[in-house]
Amino acid sequence: MTDLRQTDEYAQFMELIGWKAKRSAAGFWTYWRKIPVIGLSIMKLQRVGVDEVDWEELTELARRNRVIVGYIEPADESTPEKGWRSKLISHGYRAMRSGLLPTKTRVIDVMKPLSEMKAEMKVKTRYNLGRAGRYNLKTQVVNGGELINQPQLFHEVEQLLKTHAKEIGYWGYSRNYMRAYLKAFDRRSFLVRVKSEEGTLIAGALFLCTSEGGYYSFNGSTKLGRQHHAPTLAIWEGIRELKRRNLGWLDLDGVYDERYPLKRWRGFSRFKAGFGGKLWYYPPAYVKFLPSRK
């Protein structure tokens, strides 16, 4: 399946947040960005088949842009090895202790009937989804382009995400990133809004789509939303929307990886596990420190 990081929309997103992007002859997107003051660059090639990398082309791109550090993140651990690790090492790359992107994720087959997907959920998740229905919560799907063109609506969602991030001690929310995602993905992104019976926004989840499937992205909820299981309903409505768009899968975009443990990932990983799906493993990132030449 085509990874999100190798789509034209993601390349546009990267350029909107200050990176440069170039598609290789093999069809891969490579990204690089200058380090302020010193004039050197970092470069990354993500979720690619190592056997398909054009090393001469990559080396020339690094030379022209004075790249000092290069990263490669192989496509997935399930791919037959065919010596790709040895090939990375032979080109001077060494494995890191983790990845720039999540090294483990959970993927749900949304081509299955809704009844079958519900049956594959954990009992508690299925129960929480039923409880959310009894609270008379209201859901609405908004296309990304529509969201960014309605300032009041965007502000409402942004405040929800910022408040949620503060409550859980996460400082990674970026207004600029959110706007860039919406602008780049436009109709290939959508937000599920969940409101209380009284009409208050209590949860929201952004989904980014490729031509084949979707990725769970920015999300947030209020205390009332969590009490009423609105985040569970938001993902379920996201799954329903992906089915309406005839897309095949939902990548929950990162869960706790026992190989590279991050304790703070355990909580939301348990939440994601409730939806079932297949675990998907990726290798760590590989890094190379490059000499810079004009």
Protein backbone atom coordinates (compact mmCIF):
# COMPACT_ATOMS: atom_id res chain seq x y z
CA MET A 1 0.00 0.00 0.00
CA THR A 2 1.19 3.52 -0.76
CA ASP A 3 2.40 5.23 2.41
CA LEU A 4 1.08 8.67 3.29
CA ARG A 5 4.62 10.11 3.19
CA GLN A 6 4.95 9.08 -0.46
CA THR A 7 1.90 10.93 -1.79
CA ASP A 8 1.79 14.17 -3.77
CA GLU A 9 -0.39 15.68 -1.05
CA TYR A 10 2.16 14.97 1.65
CA ALA A 11 4.91 16.48 -0.52
CA GLN A 12 2.81 19.65 -0.77
CA PHE A 13 2.33 19.60 3.01
CA MET A 14 6.09 19.36 3.53
CA GLU A 15 6.71 22.31 1.25
CA LEU A 16 4.09 24.35 3.10
CA ILE A 17 5.95 23.82 6.39
CA GLY A 18 9.33 24.79 4.95
CA TRP A 19 10.85 21.65 3.43
CA LYS A 20 11.87 21.06 -0.17
CA ALA A 21 10.55 18.03 -2.00
CA LYS A 22 11.71 16.14 -5.09
CA ARG A 23 10.32 13.04 -6.75
CA SER A 24 12.97 10.57 -7.84
CA ALA A 25 13.05 8.73 -11.15
CA ALA A 26 11.73 5.69 -9.25
CA GLY A 27 8.76 7.74 -8.02
CA PHE A 28 9.85 8.32 -4.41
CA TRP A 29 9.56 11.68 -2.67
CA THR A 30 12.70 12.87 -0.90
CA TYR A 31 12.56 15.82 1.52
CA TRP A 32 15.30 18.15 2.71
CA ARG A 33 15.53 21.31 4.76
CA LYS A 34 18.28 23.81 5.49
CA ILE A 35 19.46 24.18 9.06
CA PRO A 36 19.23 27.89 9.99
CA VAL A 37 22.48 29.90 10.18
CA ILE A 38 24.91 27.17 9.13
CA GLY A 39 23.45 26.68 5.64
CA LEU A 40 23.69 22.87 5.65
CA SER A 41 20.70 20.56 5.22
CA ILE A 42 19.08 17.45 6.61
CA MET A 43 17.38 15.02 4.26
CA LYS A 44 14.93 12.15 4.68
CA LEU A 45 13.57 9.41 2.46
CA GLN A 46 10.65 7.69 4.21
CA ARG A 47 8.74 4.45 3.75
CA VAL A 48 10.53 3.31 0.61
CA GLY A 49 11.71 -0.03 -0.73
CA VAL A 50 15.47 0.06 -0.23
CA ASP A 51 16.08 -2.16 -3.26
CA GLU A 52 14.46 0.49 -5.44
CA VAL A 53 16.54 3.47 -4.29
CA ASP A 54 18.69 5.08 -6.98
CA TRP A 55 21.83 5.66 -4.93
CA GLU A 56 23.57 7.83 -7.50
CA GLU A 57 20.55 10.12 -7.75
CA LEU A 58 20.23 10.31 -3.95
CA THR A 59 23.94 11.08 -3.52
CA GLU A 60 23.80 13.85 -6.12
CA LEU A 61 20.71 15.39 -4.48
CA ALA A 62 22.53 15.36 -1.13
CA ARG A 63 25.65 16.93 -2.65
CA ARG A 64 23.75 19.77 -4.38
CA ASN A 65 21.88 20.66 -1.20
CA ARG A 66 24.85 20.37 1.15
CA VAL A 67 23.23 17.63 3.20
CA ILE A 68 25.04 16.82 6.42
CA VAL A 69 22.63 14.22 7.84
CA GLY A 70 20.50 11.82 5.81
CA TYR A 71 17.76 9.48 7.05
CA ILE A 72 16.13 6.52 5.34
CA GLU A 73 13.09 4.71 6.76
CA PRO A 74 12.50 1.37 4.99
CA ALA A 75 9.01 0.48 3.86
CA ASP A 76 8.16 -2.27 6.36
CA GLU A 77 9.46 -5.17 8.38
CA SER A 78 7.19 -7.59 6.53
CA THR A 79 8.96 -7.09 3.19
CA PRO A 80 11.29 -10.01 2.34
CA GLU A 81 14.73 -8.81 3.34
CA LYS A 82 16.58 -9.46 0.05
CA GLY A 83 19.66 -7.97 1.66
CA TRP A 84 18.27 -4.45 2.08
CA ARG A 85 19.84 -4.04 5.54
CA SER A 86 23.21 -4.99 4.13
CA LYS A 87 22.66 -2.57 1.28
CA LEU A 88 21.95 0.31 3.67
CA ILE A 89 25.07 -0.50 5.67
CA SER A 90 27.17 -0.72 2.52
CA HIS A 91 26.09 2.83 1.66
CA GLY A 92 27.14 4.12 5.07
CA TYR A 93 23.80 4.08 6.92
CA ARG A 94 23.44 2.79 10.48
CA ALA A 95 20.29 1.80 12.37
CA MET A 96 18.97 4.24 14.97
CA ARG A 97 17.30 3.23 18.24
CA SER A 98 13.86 4.12 16.90
CA GLY A 99 12.22 5.82 13.93
CA LEU A 100 11.36 9.36 12.93
CA LEU A 101 7.93 7.90 12.12
CA PRO A 102 6.11 5.34 14.33
CA THR A 103 7.79 1.94 14.04
CA LYS A 104 4.63 0.00 14.85
CA THR A 105 1.04 0.69 13.94
CA ARG A 106 -2.39 -0.91 13.74
CA VAL A 107 -4.24 -1.18 10.42
CA ILE A 108 -7.99 -1.87 10.13
CA ASP A 109 -9.49 -3.46 7.02
CA VAL A 110 -12.47 -1.19 6.38
CA MET A 111 -13.62 -3.21 3.35
CA LYS A 112 -15.18 -5.66 5.80
CA PRO A 113 -18.88 -5.27 6.69
CA LEU A 114 -19.46 -2.91 9.61
CA SER A 115 -20.98 -5.77 11.60
CA GLU A 116 -17.80 -7.82 11.18
CA MET A 117 -15.59 -4.89 12.23
CA LYS A 118 -17.73 -4.39 15.33
CA ALA A 119 -17.43 -8.08 16.17
CA GLU A 120 -13.62 -7.80 15.99
CA MET A 121 -13.54 -4.91 18.48
CA LYS A 122 -12.70 -5.55 22.09
CA VAL A 123 -15.80 -5.98 24.25
CA LYS A 124 -15.19 -2.72 26.15
CA THR A 125 -14.77 -0.70 22.94
CA ARG A 126 -17.96 -2.13 21.50
CA TYR A 127 -19.73 -1.38 24.78
CA ASN A 128 -18.39 2.20 24.82
CA LEU A 129 -19.61 2.73 21.26
CA GLY A 130 -23.06 1.63 22.33
CA ARG A 131 -22.94 3.95 25.35
CA ALA A 132 -22.01 6.88 23.08
CA GLY A 133 -25.17 6.22 21.09
CA ARG A 134 -27.30 6.37 24.21
CA TYR A 135 -25.96 9.85 25.00
CA ASN A 136 -27.55 11.12 21.76
CA LEU A 137 -24.25 12.48 20.46
CA LYS A 138 -24.32 14.11 17.04
CA THR A 139 -21.60 13.61 14.42
CA GLN A 140 -20.68 15.63 11.35
CA VAL A 141 -18.06 14.98 8.66
CA VAL A 142 -16.37 18.10 7.26
CA ASN A 143 -13.96 18.05 4.31
CA GLY A 144 -10.54 19.56 5.02
CA GLY A 145 -10.91 22.28 2.39
CA GLU A 146 -14.25 23.29 3.85
CA LEU A 147 -12.81 23.42 7.36
CA ILE A 148 -9.92 25.71 6.45
CA ASN A 149 -12.24 28.10 4.59
CA GLN A 150 -14.53 28.59 7.60
CA PRO A 151 -12.53 30.58 10.20
CA GLN A 152 -15.08 30.18 12.98
CA LEU A 153 -15.29 26.43 12.46
CA PHE A 154 -11.50 26.10 12.29
CA HIS A 155 -11.12 28.17 15.48
CA GLU A 156 -13.63 25.97 17.32
CA VAL A 157 -11.76 22.80 16.33
CA GLU A 158 -8.37 24.34 17.07
CA GLN A 159 -9.41 25.33 20.59
CA LEU A 160 -10.60 21.78 21.21
CA LEU A 161 -7.28 20.30 20.04
CA LYS A 162 -5.17 22.81 21.98
CA THR A 163 -7.12 22.29 25.21
CA HIS A 164 -6.90 18.52 24.86
CA ALA A 165 -3.14 18.66 24.18
CA LYS A 166 -2.62 20.77 27.31
CA GLU A 167 -4.70 18.41 29.44
CA ILE A 168 -2.68 15.35 28.45
CA GLY A 169 0.69 17.14 28.56
CA TYR A 170 1.30 16.93 24.82
CA TRP A 171 2.95 19.98 23.29
CA GLY A 172 3.19 18.78 19.69
CA TYR A 173 0.05 20.48 18.37
CA SER A 174 0.88 23.05 15.68
CA ARG A 175 -1.65 25.41 14.11
CA ASN A 176 0.61 25.78 11.08
CA TYR A 177 0.82 22.01 10.62
CA MET A 178 -2.94 21.68 10.91
CA ARG A 179 -3.54 24.37 8.29
CA ALA A 180 -0.88 22.90 6.01
CA TYR A 181 -2.44 19.42 6.20
CA LEU A 182 -5.89 20.80 5.37
CA LYS A 183 -4.60 22.91 2.48
CA ALA A 184 -2.48 20.13 0.98
CA PHE A 185 -4.96 17.27 1.36
CA ASP A 186 -8.13 19.33 0.83
CA ARG A 187 -10.89 16.84 -0.07
CA ARG A 188 -8.56 13.97 0.70
CA SER A 189 -8.87 14.92 4.35
CA PHE A 190 -11.89 15.12 6.59
CA LEU A 191 -12.71 15.92 10.18
CA VAL A 192 -15.26 14.05 12.27
CA ARG A 193 -16.88 16.43 14.75
CA VAL A 194 -18.80 15.03 17.72
CA LYS A 195 -21.24 17.25 19.59
CA SER A 196 -23.18 16.72 22.79
CA GLU A 197 -26.96 16.55 22.82
CA GLU A 198 -26.88 20.27 23.72
CA GLY A 199 -24.75 21.11 20.66
CA THR A 200 -21.31 21.59 22.30
CA LEU A 201 -18.25 20.28 20.45
CA ILE A 202 -16.80 17.53 22.66
CA ALA A 203 -14.53 15.56 20.28
CA GLY A 204 -12.91 15.78 16.88
CA ALA A 205 -10.61 13.62 14.76
CA LEU A 206 -8.82 14.46 11.51
CA PHE A 207 -8.27 11.77 8.87
CA LEU A 208 -5.83 12.06 5.95
CA CYS A 209 -6.41 9.91 2.86
CA THR A 210 -4.36 8.37 0.08
CA SER A 211 -5.93 6.81 -3.00
CA GLU A 212 -6.11 3.52 -1.08
CA GLY A 213 -6.83 4.23 2.58
CA GLY A 214 -6.85 6.65 5.46
CA TYR A 215 -4.68 7.72 8.39
CA TYR A 216 -5.90 8.80 11.83
CA SER A 217 -4.24 12.12 12.63
CA PHE A 218 -4.96 15.12 14.91
CA ASN A 219 -7.60 14.42 17.55
CA GLY A 220 -8.98 15.94 20.71
CA SER A 221 -11.81 15.74 23.22
CA THR A 222 -13.17 17.45 26.30
CA LYS A 223 -13.61 15.83 29.70
CA LEU A 224 -17.33 15.42 28.94
CA GLY A 225 -16.46 13.94 25.56
CA ARG A 226 -14.26 11.31 27.17
CA GLN A 227 -16.94 10.52 29.76
CA HIS A 228 -19.43 10.00 26.91
CA HIS A 229 -16.96 7.97 24.79
CA ALA A 230 -17.00 10.54 22.00
CA PRO A 231 -13.42 9.67 20.82
CA THR A 232 -14.56 6.09 20.17
CA LEU A 233 -17.50 7.39 18.17
CA ALA A 234 -15.21 9.74 16.20
CA ILE A 235 -13.04 6.85 14.99
CA TRP A 236 -16.08 4.74 14.19
CA GLU A 237 -17.58 7.54 12.11
CA GLY A 238 -14.18 7.95 10.42
CA ILE A 239 -14.31 4.27 9.45
CA ARG A 240 -17.82 4.72 8.05
CA GLU A 241 -16.66 7.71 6.00
CA LEU A 242 -13.72 5.76 4.59
CA LYS A 243 -16.17 3.07 3.49
CA ARG A 244 -18.34 5.71 1.82
CA ARG A 245 -15.22 6.87 -0.05
CA ASN A 246 -14.52 3.27 -1.15
CA LEU A 247 -11.15 3.21 0.59
CA GLY A 248 -9.71 -0.02 1.89
CA TRP A 249 -8.05 0.51 5.25
CA LEU A 250 -7.45 2.79 8.22
CA ASP A 251 -3.96 3.19 9.67
CA LEU A 252 -4.21 4.33 13.28
CA ASP A 253 -0.73 5.85 12.78
CA GLY A 254 1.33 4.60 15.65
CA VAL A 255 1.06 2.35 18.71
CA TYR A 256 3.40 1.33 21.52
CA ASP A 257 6.38 -0.61 20.19
CA GLU A 258 7.94 -2.98 22.70
CA ARG A 259 11.21 -2.88 20.68
CA TYR A 260 11.59 0.88 21.22
CA PRO A 261 9.44 1.49 24.34
CA LEU A 262 7.95 4.89 25.07
CA LYS A 263 5.83 4.65 28.23
CA ARG A 264 3.61 7.60 27.31
CA TRP A 265 2.40 5.64 24.25
CA ARG A 266 0.81 2.87 26.31
CA GLY A 267 -2.46 4.66 27.10
CA PHE A 268 -3.55 5.67 23.62
CA SER A 269 -2.23 2.35 22.27
CA ARG A 270 -4.68 0.48 24.50
CA PHE A 271 -7.44 2.73 23.16
CA LYS A 272 -6.47 1.97 19.56
CA ALA A 273 -6.16 -1.76 20.25
CA GLY A 274 -9.86 -1.78 21.10
CA PHE A 275 -10.70 -1.40 17.39
CA GLY A 276 -8.93 -4.59 16.36
CA GLY A 277 -7.02 -4.67 13.10
CA LYS A 278 -3.60 -6.02 12.19
CA LEU A 279 -0.33 -4.98 13.78
CA TRP A 280 2.23 -3.68 11.30
CA TYR A 281 5.92 -3.39 12.12
CA TYR A 282 8.54 -1.10 10.58
CA PRO A 283 12.32 -1.10 10.97
CA PRO A 284 13.99 1.81 12.77
CA ALA A 285 15.28 4.78 10.84
CA TYR A 286 18.76 4.53 9.34
CA VAL A 287 21.07 7.54 9.52
CA LYS A 288 24.19 8.64 7.70
CA PHE A 289 26.35 11.65 8.48
CA LEU A 290 27.43 13.05 5.15
CA PRO A 291 30.30 15.30 4.12
CA SER A 292 29.00 18.57 2.64
CA ARG A 293 30.47 19.83 -0.59
CA LYS A 294 29.55 22.89 -2.63
